[in-house]
Each structure stands twice: as structure tokens, then as C-alpha cells.
Amino acid sequence: MVKKREFTAILHSPKSAMRQLLAVWRTVPLLLMLDVDWGRGPLVLIGTADRMMWPLLPPGTLLQLDQTVRTVDERQSTEHERPIYLIEYRNRFHCCHAQRRRDVITLISHGESQGRPSISISLKEARVRGQVTPIFRPLATRSTQKAQRRTQEAQNKKAY
């Protein structure tokens, strides 16, 4: 339970994740949300700094998680056929395409994303939480692309 004063402070803080999320969602017509089957499964929200699947799934995208799909196939698939998974690795969640080859799983970014194209990790270190389906995705606009570059530049400065 959050007190009114704390909640107000969160909403007024420009660095607040809640404020950034509400800014992303401000253009969503509420009537679109009435058709969503909210009870079908857990919901996943792509974070405001996550650009792994951009522009296909920009930050602020709401996804529904199918927890019955907990394995990644070894078969090859094209960019358009690839399912999107939610994978936990080192206490971080990655929404991405994935490919498995024996005991190695490769987390694959969208082809147009400016993030790392792929990350190969041991299958033992990764937890496939399920396959995701988009419910709502904000438009990937030039302003979101500029914000992406600023976030990337800030992360690069932190790394040095």
C-alpha cells in the first residue's frame, strides 16, 4: 500500500519509472483495453530502457505470457516466424527471440534493434519463463528512437 503523498512524489519525479510508463501509455484509447482477456495469463511490460526488440516491441509494450511454453526449439526459423520469449538470466528478464543448440541458448535481438544482436549463454543459467504475445504496443516513433539513442549513450558513459 502506497500513501497518497508517496504516490504523488513518484508521479512528479521525472526519473520515476511509473511516470515514464504513464507517458508511454497516455495515447492509448481506453476502449481498446476492453477487448483484452485480462484473466488469460500473467502480463509482462517491456521496460522503458529495454530496446532489445525495438521497433517491433518498443518500450512500454504490454505482453501476455504463456507459461506453458518453457522450452526453446532447436529448429531454425525465419525472422517473421520466430516466437518471442521471456527469458530470465542473471536476475534480469530478456524479451527476445531465442535459439537453442544443444546446451547453449542464444538470445537474439530484433534485426533493426541497436542493441547487441545476440547473447549466447548456457542453458543451465537461463530460465525460459514462457512465450509472449503482444496485447498493446506504443508506436515506435522518431522521438522514441532519439530517446533510445540517449539511453544508449548514457549506458555507454556508465560502462567507461
C-alpha atoms as a PDB file:
ATOM      1  CA  MET A   1       0.000   0.000   0.000  1.00  0.00           C
ATOM      2  CA  VAL A   2       1.427   3.366  -1.038  1.00  0.00           C
ATOM      3  CA  LYS A   3       0.402   6.536   0.770  1.00  0.00           C
ATOM      4  CA  LYS A   4      -1.033   9.408  -1.263  1.00  0.00           C
ATOM      5  CA  ARG A   5       1.969  11.649  -0.567  1.00  0.00           C
ATOM      6  CA  GLU A   6       4.456   8.964  -1.698  1.00  0.00           C
ATOM      7  CA  PHE A   7       2.418   8.234  -4.815  1.00  0.00           C
ATOM      8  CA  THR A   8       2.266  11.938  -5.703  1.00  0.00           C
ATOM      9  CA  ALA A   9       6.050  12.212  -5.254  1.00  0.00           C
ATOM     10  CA  ILE A  10       6.551   9.209  -7.547  1.00  0.00           C
ATOM     11  CA  LEU A  11       4.341  10.729 -10.257  1.00  0.00           C
ATOM     12  CA  HIS A  12       6.088  14.106 -10.070  1.00  0.00           C
ATOM     13  CA  SER A  13       9.615  12.698 -10.262  1.00  0.00           C
ATOM     14  CA  PRO A  14      10.885  12.876 -13.890  1.00  0.00           C
ATOM     15  CA  LYS A  15      13.079   9.794 -13.295  1.00  0.00           C
ATOM     16  CA  SER A  16      10.206   7.697 -11.933  1.00  0.00           C
ATOM     17  CA  ALA A  17       9.510   4.523 -13.904  1.00  0.00           C
ATOM     18  CA  MET A  18       5.802   4.984 -13.196  1.00  0.00           C
ATOM     19  CA  ARG A  19       5.821   8.466 -14.720  1.00  0.00           C
ATOM     20  CA  GLN A  20       7.710   7.221 -17.785  1.00  0.00           C
ATOM     21  CA  LEU A  21       5.261   4.339 -18.181  1.00  0.00           C
ATOM     22  CA  LEU A  22       2.238   6.615 -17.956  1.00  0.00           C
ATOM     23  CA  ALA A  23       3.841   8.920 -20.539  1.00  0.00           C
ATOM     24  CA  VAL A  24       4.208   5.981 -22.941  1.00  0.00           C
ATOM     25  CA  TRP A  25       0.604   4.910 -22.369  1.00  0.00           C
ATOM     26  CA  ARG A  26      -1.006   8.359 -22.485  1.00  0.00           C
ATOM     27  CA  THR A  27      -2.192   7.901 -26.082  1.00  0.00           C
ATOM     28  CA  VAL A  28      -3.886   4.509 -25.578  1.00  0.00           C
ATOM     29  CA  PRO A  29      -7.620   4.685 -26.203  1.00  0.00           C
ATOM     30  CA  LEU A  30      -9.290   3.033 -23.208  1.00  0.00           C
ATOM     31  CA  LEU A  31     -11.838   1.337 -25.464  1.00  0.00           C
ATOM     32  CA  LEU A  32      -9.026  -0.778 -26.937  1.00  0.00           C
ATOM     33  CA  MET A  33      -8.292  -2.146 -23.476  1.00  0.00           C
ATOM     34  CA  LEU A  34     -11.841  -3.513 -23.078  1.00  0.00           C
ATOM     35  CA  ASP A  35     -11.195  -6.336 -25.571  1.00  0.00           C
ATOM     36  CA  VAL A  36      -8.214  -7.751 -23.653  1.00  0.00           C
ATOM     37  CA  ASP A  37      -8.758 -11.074 -21.867  1.00  0.00           C
ATOM     38  CA  TRP A  38      -7.056  -9.986 -18.634  1.00  0.00           C
ATOM     39  CA  GLY A  39      -7.578 -13.355 -16.933  1.00  0.00           C
ATOM     40  CA  ARG A  40      -5.881 -15.447 -19.637  1.00  0.00           C
ATOM     41  CA  GLY A  41      -2.408 -15.203 -18.173  1.00  0.00           C
ATOM     42  CA  PRO A  42       0.196 -13.054 -16.453  1.00  0.00           C
ATOM     43  CA  LEU A  43       1.017  -9.730 -18.061  1.00  0.00           C
ATOM     44  CA  VAL A  44       4.543  -8.555 -18.868  1.00  0.00           C
ATOM     45  CA  LEU A  45       5.563  -4.982 -19.537  1.00  0.00           C
ATOM     46  CA  ILE A  46       8.682  -4.098 -21.521  1.00  0.00           C
ATOM     47  CA  GLY A  47      10.716  -1.598 -19.525  1.00  0.00           C
ATOM     48  CA  THR A  48      11.321   1.954 -20.651  1.00  0.00           C
ATOM     49  CA  ALA A  49      15.033   1.281 -21.287  1.00  0.00           C
ATOM     50  CA  ASP A  50      14.653  -2.141 -22.966  1.00  0.00           C
ATOM     51  CA  ARG A  51      15.337  -1.849 -26.693  1.00  0.00           C
ATOM     52  CA  MET A  52      16.133  -5.497 -27.490  1.00  0.00           C
ATOM     53  CA  MET A  53      13.016  -5.961 -29.656  1.00  0.00           C
ATOM     54  CA  TRP A  54      12.666  -2.339 -30.830  1.00  0.00           C
ATOM     55  CA  PRO A  55      10.942  -1.323 -33.172  1.00  0.00           C
ATOM     56  CA  LEU A  56       8.772  -4.470 -33.211  1.00  0.00           C
ATOM     57  CA  LEU A  57       8.111  -4.186 -29.469  1.00  0.00           C
ATOM     58  CA  PRO A  58       9.022  -0.708 -28.209  1.00  0.00           C
ATOM     59  CA  PRO A  59       9.385   0.110 -24.508  1.00  0.00           C
ATOM     60  CA  GLY A  60       6.030   0.200 -22.762  1.00  0.00           C
ATOM     61  CA  THR A  61       4.627  -2.727 -24.766  1.00  0.00           C
ATOM     62  CA  LEU A  62       2.199  -4.876 -22.786  1.00  0.00           C
ATOM     63  CA  LEU A  63       2.525  -8.616 -23.401  1.00  0.00           C
ATOM     64  CA  GLN A  64       0.647 -11.696 -22.249  1.00  0.00           C
ATOM     65  CA  LEU A  65       2.809 -14.575 -21.020  1.00  0.00           C
ATOM     66  CA  ASP A  66       2.056 -18.176 -21.991  1.00  0.00           C
ATOM     67  CA  GLN A  67       3.771 -20.124 -19.219  1.00  0.00           C
ATOM     68  CA  THR A  68       3.032 -23.484 -20.876  1.00  0.00           C
ATOM     69  CA  VAL A  69       5.837 -22.891 -23.408  1.00  0.00           C
ATOM     70  CA  ARG A  70       9.006 -23.329 -21.329  1.00  0.00           C
ATOM     71  CA  THR A  71      11.430 -24.655 -23.942  1.00  0.00           C
ATOM     72  CA  VAL A  72      13.146 -23.158 -26.979  1.00  0.00           C
ATOM     73  CA  ASP A  73      13.175 -25.261 -30.151  1.00  0.00           C
ATOM     74  CA  GLU A  74      16.423 -26.258 -31.838  1.00  0.00           C
ATOM     75  CA  ARG A  75      14.939 -25.730 -35.300  1.00  0.00           C
ATOM     76  CA  GLN A  76      15.861 -22.707 -37.408  1.00  0.00           C
ATOM     77  CA  SER A  77      13.124 -20.213 -38.239  1.00  0.00           C
ATOM     78  CA  THR A  78      12.876 -17.026 -40.251  1.00  0.00           C
ATOM     79  CA  GLU A  79      12.659 -13.546 -38.711  1.00  0.00           C
ATOM     80  CA  HIS A  80       8.876 -13.484 -39.224  1.00  0.00           C
ATOM     81  CA  GLU A  81       8.222 -16.972 -37.809  1.00  0.00           C
ATOM     82  CA  ARG A  82      10.336 -16.680 -34.660  1.00  0.00           C
ATOM     83  CA  PRO A  83       8.410 -16.740 -31.407  1.00  0.00           C
ATOM     84  CA  ILE A  84       9.272 -14.205 -28.721  1.00  0.00           C
ATOM     85  CA  TYR A  85      10.220 -15.481 -25.288  1.00  0.00           C
ATOM     86  CA  LEU A  86      10.620 -14.070 -21.804  1.00  0.00           C
ATOM     87  CA  ILE A  87      13.931 -15.428 -20.512  1.00  0.00           C
ATOM     88  CA  GLU A  88      15.461 -14.813 -17.103  1.00  0.00           C
ATOM     89  CA  TYR A  89      19.243 -14.671 -16.981  1.00  0.00           C
ATOM     90  CA  ARG A  90      21.355 -13.351 -14.098  1.00  0.00           C
ATOM     91  CA  ASN A  91      18.353 -11.796 -12.346  1.00  0.00           C
ATOM     92  CA  ARG A  92      17.343  -9.845 -15.470  1.00  0.00           C
ATOM     93  CA  PHE A  93      14.484 -10.518 -17.836  1.00  0.00           C
ATOM     94  CA  HIS A  94      15.025 -10.510 -21.590  1.00  0.00           C
ATOM     95  CA  CYS A  95      12.154 -10.288 -24.039  1.00  0.00           C
ATOM     96  CA  CYS A  96      13.678 -11.629 -27.240  1.00  0.00           C
ATOM     97  CA  HIS A  97      13.844 -14.238 -29.932  1.00  0.00           C
ATOM     98  CA  ALA A  98      15.818 -17.286 -28.884  1.00  0.00           C
ATOM     99  CA  GLN A  99      17.530 -20.263 -30.461  1.00  0.00           C
ATOM    100  CA  ARG A 100      18.858 -23.370 -28.792  1.00  0.00           C
ATOM    101  CA  ARG A 101      21.729 -25.540 -29.912  1.00  0.00           C
ATOM    102  CA  ARG A 102      22.487 -28.418 -27.540  1.00  0.00           C
ATOM    103  CA  ASP A 103      23.295 -26.854 -24.136  1.00  0.00           C
ATOM    104  CA  VAL A 104      23.573 -23.256 -25.377  1.00  0.00           C
ATOM    105  CA  ILE A 105      20.744 -20.804 -25.793  1.00  0.00           C
ATOM    106  CA  THR A 106      21.194 -17.653 -27.859  1.00  0.00           C
ATOM    107  CA  LEU A 107      19.121 -14.589 -27.002  1.00  0.00           C
ATOM    108  CA  ILE A 108      18.520 -12.735 -30.268  1.00  0.00           C
ATOM    109  CA  SER A 109      17.555  -9.048 -30.654  1.00  0.00           C
ATOM    110  CA  HIS A 110      15.230  -7.815 -33.376  1.00  0.00           C
ATOM    111  CA  GLY A 111      17.119  -7.247 -36.628  1.00  0.00           C
ATOM    112  CA  GLU A 112      16.619  -3.455 -36.527  1.00  0.00           C
ATOM    113  CA  SER A 113      17.441  -3.041 -32.845  1.00  0.00           C
ATOM    114  CA  GLN A 114      20.537  -1.057 -31.983  1.00  0.00           C
ATOM    115  CA  GLY A 115      21.216  -3.350 -29.026  1.00  0.00           C
ATOM    116  CA  ARG A 116      23.567  -6.305 -29.003  1.00  0.00           C
ATOM    117  CA  PRO A 117      22.489  -8.672 -31.803  1.00  0.00           C
ATOM    118  CA  SER A 118      22.818 -11.821 -29.688  1.00  0.00           C
ATOM    119  CA  ILE A 119      23.959 -13.190 -26.356  1.00  0.00           C
ATOM    120  CA  SER A 120      24.978 -16.843 -26.037  1.00  0.00           C
ATOM    121  CA  ILE A 121      24.550 -18.394 -22.602  1.00  0.00           C
ATOM    122  CA  SER A 122      24.481 -21.813 -21.016  1.00  0.00           C
ATOM    123  CA  LEU A 123      21.036 -23.387 -20.964  1.00  0.00           C
ATOM    124  CA  LYS A 124      21.607 -24.163 -17.272  1.00  0.00           C
ATOM    125  CA  GLU A 125      21.916 -20.436 -16.467  1.00  0.00           C
ATOM    126  CA  ALA A 126      18.753 -19.369 -18.314  1.00  0.00           C
ATOM    127  CA  ARG A 127      15.151 -19.836 -17.243  1.00  0.00           C
ATOM    128  CA  VAL A 128      12.583 -19.740 -20.018  1.00  0.00           C
ATOM    129  CA  ARG A 129       9.566 -18.149 -18.332  1.00  0.00           C
ATOM    130  CA  GLY A 130       7.324 -18.559 -21.374  1.00  0.00           C
ATOM    131  CA  GLN A 131       6.370 -17.286 -24.785  1.00  0.00           C
ATOM    132  CA  VAL A 132       4.841 -13.806 -25.080  1.00  0.00           C
ATOM    133  CA  THR A 133       2.114 -12.322 -27.240  1.00  0.00           C
ATOM    134  CA  PRO A 134       1.701  -8.542 -27.652  1.00  0.00           C
ATOM    135  CA  ILE A 135      -1.516  -7.011 -26.322  1.00  0.00           C
ATOM    136  CA  PHE A 136      -0.659  -3.368 -26.837  1.00  0.00           C
ATOM    137  CA  ARG A 137       2.421  -1.720 -28.304  1.00  0.00           C
ATOM    138  CA  PRO A 138       3.025   2.001 -28.455  1.00  0.00           C
ATOM    139  CA  LEU A 139       4.136   3.371 -31.795  1.00  0.00           C
ATOM    140  CA  ALA A 140       7.872   3.274 -32.431  1.00  0.00           C
ATOM    141  CA  THR A 141       8.352   6.885 -33.473  1.00  0.00           C
ATOM    142  CA  ARG A 142      11.390   9.005 -34.191  1.00  0.00           C
ATOM    143  CA  SER A 143      11.110  10.523 -30.718  1.00  0.00           C
ATOM    144  CA  THR A 144      11.330   7.027 -29.193  1.00  0.00           C
ATOM    145  CA  GLN A 145      14.321   6.364 -31.429  1.00  0.00           C
ATOM    146  CA  LYS A 146      16.002   9.566 -30.175  1.00  0.00           C
ATOM    147  CA  ALA A 147      15.248   8.529 -26.598  1.00  0.00           C
ATOM    148  CA  GLN A 148      16.778   5.154 -27.413  1.00  0.00           C
ATOM    149  CA  ARG A 149      19.993   6.799 -28.591  1.00  0.00           C
ATOM    150  CA  ARG A 150      20.162   8.985 -25.459  1.00  0.00           C
ATOM    151  CA  THR A 151      19.661   5.930 -23.229  1.00  0.00           C
ATOM    152  CA  GLN A 152      22.316   4.004 -25.170  1.00  0.00           C
ATOM    153  CA  GLU A 153      24.780   6.919 -24.871  1.00  0.00           C
ATOM    154  CA  ALA A 154      24.123   7.202 -21.129  1.00  0.00           C
ATOM    155  CA  GLN A 155      24.709   3.451 -20.692  1.00  0.00           C
ATOM    156  CA  ASN A 156      27.934   3.664 -22.691  1.00  0.00           C
ATOM    157  CA  LYS A 157      29.188   6.507 -20.464  1.00  0.00           C
ATOM    158  CA  LYS A 158      28.443   4.426 -17.357  1.00  0.00           C
ATOM    159  CA  ALA A 159      30.406   1.499 -18.816  1.00  0.00           C
ATOM    160  CA  TYR A 160      33.614   3.543 -19.110  1.00  0.00           C
END
